[in-house]
Amino acid sequence: VQLQASGGGLVQNGGSLRLSCAASGFTLNYYDVGWFRQAPGKERDMVAEINVFDYTNYANSVKGRFTVSRDAAKNTIFLQMNSLKPDDTAVYYCYAKTLARQYWGQGTQVTVSS
């Protein structure tokens, strides 16, 4: 069972990135999934989530700029990030959870230069 996150990198202020999180060993369709992020010296905070009914929820700081989605055929979660700001700089972690279990990806670094 594994979540493999990818797509992070260095981008300029106002740029875009698309994060991916591929699941193996289990089927994402049965899980609520999403993304957290953790900046240096700060707590890990929820960024975006999508539940099994495809209802989405976003942190206020990213509403209108980020979009979370899932692709059942690819068994993958995505986070499209537009209009990136230096405050978005963090390690981004994907997760998948049910009432019984929870899985985390390894994290991918996103750095936004000013």
N, C-alpha and C. Protein backbone atom coordinates (compact mmCIF):
# COMPACT_ATOMS: atom_id res chain seq x y z
N VAL A 1 0.85 -1.19 0.00
CA VAL A 1 0.00 0.00 0.00
C VAL A 1 0.89 1.24 0.00
N GLN A 2 0.67 2.12 -0.96
CA GLN A 2 1.57 3.27 -1.08
C GLN A 2 0.88 4.42 -1.79
N LEU A 3 1.23 5.65 -1.36
CA LEU A 3 0.87 6.87 -2.07
C LEU A 3 2.17 7.54 -2.51
N GLN A 4 2.32 7.79 -3.79
CA GLN A 4 3.54 8.37 -4.34
C GLN A 4 3.22 9.75 -4.90
N ALA A 5 3.70 10.79 -4.21
CA ALA A 5 3.46 12.17 -4.64
C ALA A 5 4.57 12.64 -5.57
N SER A 6 4.20 13.48 -6.53
CA SER A 6 5.18 14.04 -7.46
C SER A 6 4.66 15.36 -8.00
N GLY A 7 5.53 16.08 -8.72
CA GLY A 7 5.11 17.30 -9.39
C GLY A 7 5.55 18.58 -8.73
N GLY A 8 6.18 18.51 -7.57
CA GLY A 8 6.66 19.71 -6.93
C GLY A 8 7.85 20.30 -7.66
N GLY A 9 8.25 21.49 -7.24
CA GLY A 9 9.39 22.13 -7.86
C GLY A 9 9.47 23.59 -7.51
N LEU A 10 10.31 24.30 -8.24
CA LEU A 10 10.52 25.74 -8.06
C LEU A 10 9.75 26.49 -9.15
N VAL A 11 8.95 27.46 -8.74
CA VAL A 11 8.16 28.24 -9.69
C VAL A 11 8.15 29.70 -9.25
N GLN A 12 7.99 30.59 -10.20
CA GLN A 12 7.96 32.01 -9.89
C GLN A 12 6.59 32.43 -9.35
N ASN A 13 6.58 33.53 -8.63
CA ASN A 13 5.33 34.12 -8.15
C ASN A 13 4.34 34.28 -9.32
N GLY A 14 3.13 33.79 -9.12
CA GLY A 14 2.12 33.85 -10.16
C GLY A 14 2.08 32.64 -11.08
N GLY A 15 3.00 31.74 -10.93
CA GLY A 15 3.08 30.55 -11.78
C GLY A 15 2.13 29.44 -11.35
N SER A 16 2.24 28.30 -12.04
CA SER A 16 1.36 27.16 -11.79
C SER A 16 2.17 25.87 -11.65
N LEU A 17 1.61 24.95 -10.91
CA LEU A 17 2.15 23.60 -10.79
C LEU A 17 0.98 22.64 -10.65
N ARG A 18 1.21 21.41 -11.05
CA ARG A 18 0.22 20.35 -10.87
C ARG A 18 0.86 19.20 -10.11
N LEU A 19 0.36 18.95 -8.93
CA LEU A 19 0.84 17.83 -8.13
C LEU A 19 0.00 16.59 -8.43
N SER A 20 0.68 15.44 -8.39
CA SER A 20 0.01 14.16 -8.59
C SER A 20 0.31 13.26 -7.39
N CYS A 21 -0.60 12.35 -7.12
CA CYS A 21 -0.41 11.39 -6.03
C CYS A 21 -1.02 10.07 -6.49
N ALA A 22 -0.15 9.14 -6.85
CA ALA A 22 -0.59 7.85 -7.37
C ALA A 22 -0.67 6.82 -6.26
N ALA A 23 -1.79 6.12 -6.22
CA ALA A 23 -1.99 5.09 -5.20
C ALA A 23 -1.70 3.71 -5.77
N SER A 24 -1.14 2.85 -4.93
CA SER A 24 -0.93 1.46 -5.30
C SER A 24 -1.30 0.58 -4.11
N GLY A 25 -1.89 -0.55 -4.42
CA GLY A 25 -2.26 -1.48 -3.36
C GLY A 25 -3.65 -1.27 -2.79
N PHE A 26 -4.32 -0.21 -3.21
CA PHE A 26 -5.69 0.02 -2.79
C PHE A 26 -6.36 0.95 -3.81
N THR A 27 -7.69 1.06 -3.73
CA THR A 27 -8.46 1.82 -4.71
C THR A 27 -8.92 3.13 -4.08
N LEU A 28 -8.50 4.23 -4.68
CA LEU A 28 -8.79 5.55 -4.13
C LEU A 28 -10.27 5.90 -4.10
N ASN A 29 -11.04 5.30 -4.98
CA ASN A 29 -12.47 5.64 -5.07
C ASN A 29 -13.21 5.45 -3.75
N TYR A 30 -12.71 4.57 -2.90
CA TYR A 30 -13.39 4.26 -1.64
C TYR A 30 -12.90 5.13 -0.48
N TYR A 31 -12.05 6.10 -0.79
CA TYR A 31 -11.42 6.91 0.25
C TYR A 31 -11.73 8.39 0.03
N ASP A 32 -11.81 9.12 1.15
CA ASP A 32 -11.72 10.57 1.10
C ASP A 32 -10.24 10.89 0.92
N VAL A 33 -9.95 11.82 0.02
CA VAL A 33 -8.54 12.09 -0.31
C VAL A 33 -8.29 13.59 -0.32
N GLY A 34 -7.03 13.96 -0.29
CA GLY A 34 -6.72 15.39 -0.36
C GLY A 34 -5.26 15.67 -0.12
N TRP A 35 -5.01 16.93 0.20
CA TRP A 35 -3.64 17.43 0.35
C TRP A 35 -3.53 18.29 1.60
N PHE A 36 -2.43 18.11 2.32
CA PHE A 36 -2.01 18.99 3.39
C PHE A 36 -0.68 19.62 2.96
N ARG A 37 -0.28 20.65 3.66
CA ARG A 37 1.05 21.22 3.44
C ARG A 37 1.64 21.66 4.76
N GLN A 38 2.97 21.68 4.78
CA GLN A 38 3.69 22.09 5.98
C GLN A 38 4.86 22.98 5.59
N ALA A 39 4.81 24.23 6.04
CA ALA A 39 5.90 25.16 5.82
C ALA A 39 6.88 25.05 6.99
N PRO A 40 8.12 25.48 6.78
CA PRO A 40 9.13 25.39 7.85
C PRO A 40 8.66 26.11 9.12
N GLY A 41 8.74 25.41 10.25
CA GLY A 41 8.36 25.99 11.52
C GLY A 41 6.88 26.11 11.78
N LYS A 42 6.07 25.55 10.87
CA LYS A 42 4.62 25.65 11.02
C LYS A 42 3.99 24.27 11.09
N GLU A 43 2.72 24.24 11.50
CA GLU A 43 2.00 22.98 11.56
C GLU A 43 1.55 22.55 10.16
N ARG A 44 1.22 21.27 10.05
CA ARG A 44 0.68 20.75 8.80
C ARG A 44 -0.79 21.14 8.71
N ASP A 45 -1.15 21.80 7.63
CA ASP A 45 -2.51 22.32 7.46
C ASP A 45 -3.19 21.72 6.23
N MET A 46 -4.51 21.57 6.34
CA MET A 46 -5.28 21.08 5.20
C MET A 46 -5.27 22.13 4.09
N VAL A 47 -5.09 21.67 2.87
CA VAL A 47 -5.13 22.54 1.70
C VAL A 47 -6.41 22.33 0.91
N ALA A 48 -6.68 21.07 0.55
CA ALA A 48 -7.85 20.74 -0.26
C ALA A 48 -8.19 19.29 -0.06
N GLU A 49 -9.48 18.98 -0.15
CA GLU A 49 -9.91 17.61 0.03
C GLU A 49 -11.12 17.35 -0.85
N ILE A 50 -11.29 16.07 -1.19
CA ILE A 50 -12.42 15.63 -1.98
C ILE A 50 -12.90 14.30 -1.41
N ASN A 51 -14.19 14.21 -1.11
CA ASN A 51 -14.65 12.98 -0.47
C ASN A 51 -15.18 11.98 -1.49
N VAL A 52 -15.68 10.87 -1.00
CA VAL A 52 -16.12 9.78 -1.90
C VAL A 52 -17.30 10.19 -2.77
N PHE A 53 -18.00 11.27 -2.39
CA PHE A 53 -19.12 11.77 -3.19
C PHE A 53 -18.68 12.91 -4.11
N ASP A 54 -17.36 13.15 -4.15
CA ASP A 54 -16.76 14.20 -4.98
C ASP A 54 -17.11 15.61 -4.51
N TYR A 55 -17.47 15.75 -3.24
CA TYR A 55 -17.60 17.08 -2.67
C TYR A 55 -16.20 17.57 -2.28
N THR A 56 -15.94 18.83 -2.58
CA THR A 56 -14.62 19.38 -2.33
C THR A 56 -14.65 20.44 -1.22
N ASN A 57 -13.51 20.61 -0.60
CA ASN A 57 -13.36 21.61 0.46
C ASN A 57 -11.95 22.17 0.36
N TYR A 58 -11.83 23.49 0.53
CA TYR A 58 -10.53 24.15 0.38
C TYR A 58 -10.23 25.06 1.57
N ALA A 59 -8.96 25.19 1.87
CA ALA A 59 -8.54 26.21 2.81
C ALA A 59 -8.85 27.59 2.21
N ASN A 60 -9.21 28.54 3.05
CA ASN A 60 -9.57 29.87 2.54
C ASN A 60 -8.43 30.49 1.73
N SER A 61 -7.21 30.20 2.13
CA SER A 61 -6.05 30.83 1.48
C SER A 61 -5.83 30.35 0.06
N VAL A 62 -6.46 29.25 -0.35
CA VAL A 62 -6.23 28.72 -1.70
C VAL A 62 -7.50 28.70 -2.55
N LYS A 63 -8.63 29.08 -1.98
CA LYS A 63 -9.88 29.07 -2.74
C LYS A 63 -9.77 29.94 -3.98
N GLY A 64 -10.24 29.41 -5.11
CA GLY A 64 -10.18 30.14 -6.37
C GLY A 64 -8.86 29.99 -7.10
N ARG A 65 -7.85 29.42 -6.43
CA ARG A 65 -6.54 29.25 -7.07
C ARG A 65 -6.17 27.77 -7.24
N PHE A 66 -6.57 26.93 -6.31
CA PHE A 66 -6.23 25.51 -6.34
C PHE A 66 -7.47 24.68 -6.66
N THR A 67 -7.25 23.56 -7.33
CA THR A 67 -8.34 22.63 -7.64
C THR A 67 -7.88 21.21 -7.35
N VAL A 68 -8.62 20.50 -6.52
CA VAL A 68 -8.33 19.10 -6.22
C VAL A 68 -9.24 18.22 -7.06
N SER A 69 -8.70 17.11 -7.55
CA SER A 69 -9.49 16.19 -8.35
C SER A 69 -8.93 14.78 -8.20
N ARG A 70 -9.70 13.81 -8.68
CA ARG A 70 -9.21 12.44 -8.69
C ARG A 70 -9.53 11.82 -10.05
N ASP A 71 -8.71 10.88 -10.46
CA ASP A 71 -8.91 10.14 -11.71
C ASP A 71 -8.98 8.67 -11.34
N ALA A 72 -10.18 8.10 -11.44
CA ALA A 72 -10.38 6.71 -11.02
C ALA A 72 -9.58 5.75 -11.89
N ALA A 73 -9.53 6.02 -13.18
CA ALA A 73 -8.83 5.12 -14.10
C ALA A 73 -7.34 5.05 -13.79
N LYS A 74 -6.79 6.20 -13.37
CA LYS A 74 -5.35 6.26 -13.06
C LYS A 74 -5.08 6.01 -11.58
N ASN A 75 -6.16 5.93 -10.77
CA ASN A 75 -6.02 5.73 -9.33
C ASN A 75 -5.09 6.80 -8.74
N THR A 76 -5.36 8.03 -9.12
CA THR A 76 -4.46 9.15 -8.82
C THR A 76 -5.27 10.37 -8.38
N ILE A 77 -4.67 11.12 -7.44
CA ILE A 77 -5.22 12.40 -6.99
C ILE A 77 -4.37 13.51 -7.61
N PHE A 78 -5.01 14.63 -7.91
CA PHE A 78 -4.29 15.77 -8.47
C PHE A 78 -4.57 17.03 -7.64
N LEU A 79 -3.61 17.95 -7.67
CA LEU A 79 -3.82 19.28 -7.12
C LEU A 79 -3.27 20.28 -8.13
N GLN A 80 -4.17 20.95 -8.82
CA GLN A 80 -3.77 22.00 -9.75
C GLN A 80 -3.65 23.31 -8.98
N MET A 81 -2.48 23.90 -9.04
CA MET A 81 -2.20 25.12 -8.27
C MET A 81 -1.87 26.25 -9.23
N ASN A 82 -2.71 27.27 -9.25
CA ASN A 82 -2.51 28.43 -10.11
C ASN A 82 -2.27 29.68 -9.27
N SER A 83 -1.77 30.71 -9.89
CA SER A 83 -1.52 31.99 -9.21
C SER A 83 -0.76 31.77 -7.90
N LEU A 84 0.29 30.99 -7.98
CA LEU A 84 1.05 30.65 -6.78
C LEU A 84 1.73 31.88 -6.18
N LYS A 85 1.82 31.86 -4.86
CA LYS A 85 2.41 32.95 -4.09
C LYS A 85 3.55 32.40 -3.25
N PRO A 86 4.48 33.26 -2.82
CA PRO A 86 5.55 32.78 -1.94
C PRO A 86 5.02 32.11 -0.67
N ASP A 87 3.87 32.53 -0.17
CA ASP A 87 3.28 31.92 1.03
C ASP A 87 2.82 30.49 0.79
N ASP A 88 2.75 30.06 -0.46
CA ASP A 88 2.40 28.68 -0.77
C ASP A 88 3.58 27.73 -0.65
N THR A 89 4.76 28.27 -0.42
CA THR A 89 5.97 27.45 -0.28
C THR A 89 5.83 26.52 0.91
N ALA A 90 5.97 25.21 0.65
CA ALA A 90 5.79 24.20 1.70
C ALA A 90 6.08 22.83 1.11
N VAL A 91 6.13 21.84 1.98
CA VAL A 91 6.10 20.45 1.54
C VAL A 91 4.63 20.02 1.50
N TYR A 92 4.21 19.49 0.38
CA TYR A 92 2.82 19.09 0.18
C TYR A 92 2.70 17.58 0.32
N TYR A 93 1.73 17.16 1.12
CA TYR A 93 1.50 15.74 1.39
C TYR A 93 0.10 15.36 0.94
N CYS A 94 -0.01 14.26 0.22
CA CYS A 94 -1.32 13.73 -0.12
C CYS A 94 -1.72 12.68 0.92
N TYR A 95 -3.02 12.45 1.04
CA TYR A 95 -3.50 11.45 1.97
C TYR A 95 -4.76 10.81 1.42
N ALA A 96 -5.06 9.65 2.00
CA ALA A 96 -6.31 8.95 1.70
C ALA A 96 -6.79 8.35 3.01
N LYS A 97 -8.08 8.50 3.31
CA LYS A 97 -8.57 8.03 4.60
C LYS A 97 -9.99 7.49 4.51
N THR A 98 -10.25 6.54 5.40
CA THR A 98 -11.61 6.12 5.72
C THR A 98 -11.72 6.18 7.23
N LEU A 99 -12.83 5.75 7.78
CA LEU A 99 -12.96 5.71 9.24
C LEU A 99 -11.98 4.71 9.85
N ALA A 100 -11.60 3.71 9.05
CA ALA A 100 -10.79 2.62 9.59
C ALA A 100 -9.29 2.80 9.38
N ARG A 101 -8.89 3.56 8.37
CA ARG A 101 -7.46 3.64 8.06
C ARG A 101 -7.12 4.95 7.37
N GLN A 102 -5.84 5.24 7.36
CA GLN A 102 -5.35 6.48 6.75
C GLN A 102 -3.96 6.25 6.19
N TYR A 103 -3.72 6.76 4.99
CA TYR A 103 -2.43 6.63 4.34
C TYR A 103 -1.92 8.01 3.95
N TRP A 104 -0.60 8.17 4.00
CA TRP A 104 0.03 9.44 3.63
C TRP A 104 1.09 9.20 2.56
N GLY A 105 1.22 10.14 1.65
CA GLY A 105 2.33 10.14 0.72
C GLY A 105 3.57 10.71 1.38
N GLN A 106 4.68 10.68 0.66
CA GLN A 106 5.97 11.04 1.24
C GLN A 106 6.25 12.52 1.22
N GLY A 107 5.44 13.31 0.52
CA GLY A 107 5.66 14.75 0.47
C GLY A 107 6.44 15.16 -0.76
N THR A 108 6.06 16.31 -1.29
CA THR A 108 6.79 16.89 -2.43
C THR A 108 6.94 18.39 -2.17
N GLN A 109 8.15 18.90 -2.40
CA GLN A 109 8.47 20.29 -2.08
C GLN A 109 7.98 21.23 -3.18
N VAL A 110 7.27 22.27 -2.76
CA VAL A 110 6.87 23.35 -3.66
C VAL A 110 7.50 24.63 -3.14
N THR A 111 8.26 25.30 -4.01
CA THR A 111 8.91 26.55 -3.64
C THR A 111 8.51 27.62 -4.65
N VAL A 112 7.95 28.73 -4.13
CA VAL A 112 7.52 29.83 -4.98
C VAL A 112 8.43 31.02 -4.71
N SER A 113 9.14 31.45 -5.73
CA SER A 113 10.07 32.57 -5.57
C SER A 113 9.35 33.89 -5.81
N SER A 114 9.77 34.92 -5.09
CA SER A 114 9.13 36.24 -5.21
C SER A 114 9.80 37.09 -6.28
